[in-house]
Amino acid sequence: MNAKVKACFWFDGQAAEAVDFYVSLLPDSRIDAISHYVEEMGLAPAGTVLAIDFTLAGTPFQAINGGPEFQLSEAASISIATRDQAETDHLWDALIGNGGTPSRCGWLKDRFGMSWQITPARATELLAGPQAGKVWPVFFTMSKIDLAPLEAAARA
């Protein structure tokens, strides 16, 4: 894919492992291109993965193995609007597995340090509708988003 705009994420040697994992999570995801360091660059052993262009659920991204100078942070995240609680649970469990850490309000950090927002589309509707004042206080108590309490708060 030759997209005009795409986010680029900096890894320290884990780009290929991270991207393989990410594209396994969502339909319409794939690796589009891989480039490698060459000897003349003198920055990493020749043949080491330099950059990976990939598509995640139809959206283009790039990952690079840039070294230890920069770290991923919560200042940028990949946001996924899930279709239901089952998809929310599946993605949440996969992303926090093997060393990921949950945060608040649908946010988490995976084992590679990538920050994610996993939010059911229905939660977004509830948080923006006329019942938002009743839903927000419940939402703020959550780590992984659970639709049942949000729906109950909206009906209250």
Protein backbone atom coordinates (compact mmCIF):
# COMPACT_ATOMS: atom_id res chain seq x y z
CA MET A 1 0.00 0.00 0.00
CA ASN A 2 1.31 3.43 -0.86
CA ALA A 3 -0.60 5.66 1.54
CA LYS A 4 0.02 9.38 1.66
CA VAL A 5 -0.32 9.48 5.48
CA LYS A 6 0.41 6.73 7.99
CA ALA A 7 1.59 6.59 11.58
CA CYS A 8 5.11 5.28 12.16
CA PHE A 9 6.04 3.51 15.39
CA TRP A 10 9.62 3.18 16.68
CA PHE A 11 10.77 -0.14 18.14
CA ASP A 12 14.09 -1.33 19.50
CA GLY A 13 14.53 -4.58 17.60
CA GLN A 14 10.98 -5.92 18.06
CA ALA A 15 9.22 -4.44 15.03
CA ALA A 16 8.80 -7.72 13.13
CA GLU A 17 7.53 -9.63 16.17
CA ALA A 18 5.13 -6.82 17.09
CA VAL A 19 3.75 -6.42 13.56
CA ASP A 20 3.29 -10.18 13.12
CA PHE A 21 1.24 -10.15 16.33
CA TYR A 22 -0.80 -7.06 15.40
CA VAL A 23 -1.81 -8.30 11.94
CA SER A 24 -2.94 -11.61 13.47
CA LEU A 25 -5.54 -9.80 15.61
CA LEU A 26 -7.85 -8.13 13.10
CA PRO A 27 -9.39 -8.94 9.71
CA ASP A 28 -8.16 -6.91 6.72
CA SER A 29 -4.65 -6.79 8.20
CA ARG A 30 -1.40 -7.72 6.46
CA ILE A 31 2.27 -6.96 6.03
CA ASP A 32 2.72 -4.88 2.88
CA ALA A 33 6.51 -4.43 2.63
CA ILE A 34 9.67 -5.09 4.62
CA SER A 35 13.02 -3.32 4.20
CA HIS A 36 16.29 -4.32 5.77
CA TYR A 37 19.44 -2.60 6.98
CA VAL A 38 22.34 -2.85 4.54
CA GLU A 39 26.01 -3.05 5.48
CA GLU A 40 26.77 0.42 4.13
CA MET A 41 24.43 2.00 6.66
CA GLY A 42 26.59 0.86 9.57
CA LEU A 43 23.64 1.17 11.97
CA ALA A 44 22.67 -2.49 12.46
CA PRO A 45 23.82 -5.84 11.09
CA ALA A 46 23.05 -6.22 7.38
CA GLY A 47 19.75 -8.07 6.89
CA THR A 48 18.19 -6.85 10.14
CA VAL A 49 14.63 -5.61 9.65
CA LEU A 50 14.65 -1.83 9.27
CA ALA A 51 11.03 -0.96 8.44
CA ILE A 52 7.73 -2.74 7.92
CA ASP A 53 4.76 -1.21 6.14
CA PHE A 54 1.61 -2.93 7.32
CA THR A 55 -2.14 -2.57 7.21
CA LEU A 56 -4.19 -3.03 10.35
CA ALA A 57 -7.94 -3.36 9.78
CA GLY A 58 -7.58 -1.42 6.53
CA THR A 59 -5.45 1.38 7.99
CA PRO A 60 -1.79 1.76 6.94
CA PHE A 61 1.01 1.96 9.49
CA GLN A 62 4.77 1.63 9.57
CA ALA A 63 7.05 0.14 12.21
CA ILE A 64 10.79 0.71 12.33
CA ASN A 65 13.60 -0.83 14.33
CA GLY A 66 15.27 2.44 15.19
CA GLY A 67 17.17 1.46 18.31
CA PRO A 68 16.93 2.42 21.98
CA GLU A 69 16.94 6.21 21.54
CA PHE A 70 13.15 6.58 21.62
CA GLN A 71 10.39 4.66 23.38
CA LEU A 72 6.71 4.16 22.61
CA SER A 73 4.44 5.99 25.06
CA GLU A 74 0.81 6.56 25.92
CA ALA A 75 1.02 9.91 24.12
CA ALA A 76 0.07 8.02 20.94
CA SER A 77 -2.10 4.95 20.70
CA ILE A 78 -3.94 2.72 18.27
CA SER A 79 -7.68 3.06 18.86
CA ILE A 80 -10.06 0.25 17.93
CA ALA A 81 -13.83 0.64 17.91
CA THR A 82 -15.07 -2.88 18.58
CA ARG A 83 -18.46 -4.10 17.41
CA ASP A 84 -19.48 -5.86 20.65
CA GLN A 85 -18.35 -7.12 24.06
CA ALA A 86 -16.98 -10.38 22.62
CA GLU A 87 -14.61 -8.55 20.28
CA THR A 88 -13.64 -6.18 23.10
CA ASP A 89 -12.82 -9.10 25.39
CA HIS A 90 -10.88 -10.97 22.68
CA LEU A 91 -8.68 -8.01 21.74
CA TRP A 92 -8.17 -6.90 25.34
CA ASP A 93 -7.10 -10.36 26.46
CA ALA A 94 -4.76 -10.83 23.48
CA LEU A 95 -3.12 -7.43 23.92
CA ILE A 96 -2.53 -7.62 27.68
CA GLY A 97 -1.42 -11.26 27.47
CA ASN A 98 2.27 -12.13 27.88
CA GLY A 99 3.24 -8.98 29.72
CA GLY A 100 0.81 -6.24 28.69
CA THR A 101 -0.64 -3.93 31.31
CA PRO A 102 -4.20 -2.60 31.67
CA SER A 103 -4.87 1.05 32.31
CA ARG A 104 -8.13 3.00 32.66
CA CYS A 105 -11.12 3.62 30.41
CA GLY A 106 -10.29 1.04 27.74
CA TRP A 107 -6.58 1.85 27.53
CA LEU A 108 -3.80 -0.70 27.80
CA LYS A 109 -0.18 -1.16 26.87
CA ASP A 110 0.88 -4.37 25.11
CA ARG A 111 4.08 -6.32 25.81
CA PHE A 112 5.95 -4.30 23.15
CA GLY A 113 5.05 -0.97 24.77
CA MET A 114 2.35 0.02 22.24
CA SER A 115 -0.59 1.84 23.78
CA TRP A 116 -4.10 0.84 22.64
CA GLN A 117 -7.65 2.05 23.22
CA ILE A 118 -10.20 -0.77 22.95
CA THR A 119 -13.68 0.76 23.02
CA PRO A 120 -16.97 -0.80 21.94
CA ALA A 121 -18.76 1.43 19.42
CA ARG A 122 -21.86 1.19 21.63
CA ALA A 123 -19.94 2.68 24.58
CA THR A 124 -19.03 5.67 22.44
CA GLU A 125 -22.73 6.13 21.60
CA LEU A 126 -23.73 5.94 25.26
CA LEU A 127 -21.05 8.44 26.26
CA ALA A 128 -22.27 10.97 23.70
CA GLY A 129 -26.04 10.59 23.99
CA PRO A 130 -28.55 12.29 26.27
CA GLN A 131 -27.79 9.77 29.02
CA ALA A 132 -24.05 10.62 29.02
CA GLY A 133 -24.20 12.24 32.46
CA LYS A 134 -25.26 8.90 33.96
CA VAL A 135 -22.82 6.81 31.90
CA TRP A 136 -19.55 8.74 32.34
CA PRO A 137 -19.23 8.09 36.12
CA VAL A 138 -19.53 4.34 35.52
CA PHE A 139 -17.13 4.46 32.56
CA PHE A 140 -14.48 6.16 34.70
CA THR A 141 -14.44 3.17 37.09
CA MET A 142 -13.48 0.71 34.32
CA SER A 143 -10.24 -0.68 33.03
CA LYS A 144 -11.55 -2.94 30.25
CA ILE A 145 -14.85 -1.52 29.00
CA ASP A 146 -17.86 -3.60 30.05
CA LEU A 147 -21.01 -2.68 28.16
CA ALA A 148 -23.53 -4.19 30.60
CA PRO A 149 -22.93 -1.66 33.43
CA LEU A 150 -22.86 1.19 30.90
CA GLU A 151 -26.21 0.09 29.45
CA ALA A 152 -27.63 -0.22 32.98
CA ALA A 153 -26.47 3.28 33.87
CA ALA A 154 -28.04 4.66 30.69
CA ARG A 155 -31.40 3.08 31.63
CA ALA A 156 -31.27 4.26 35.26
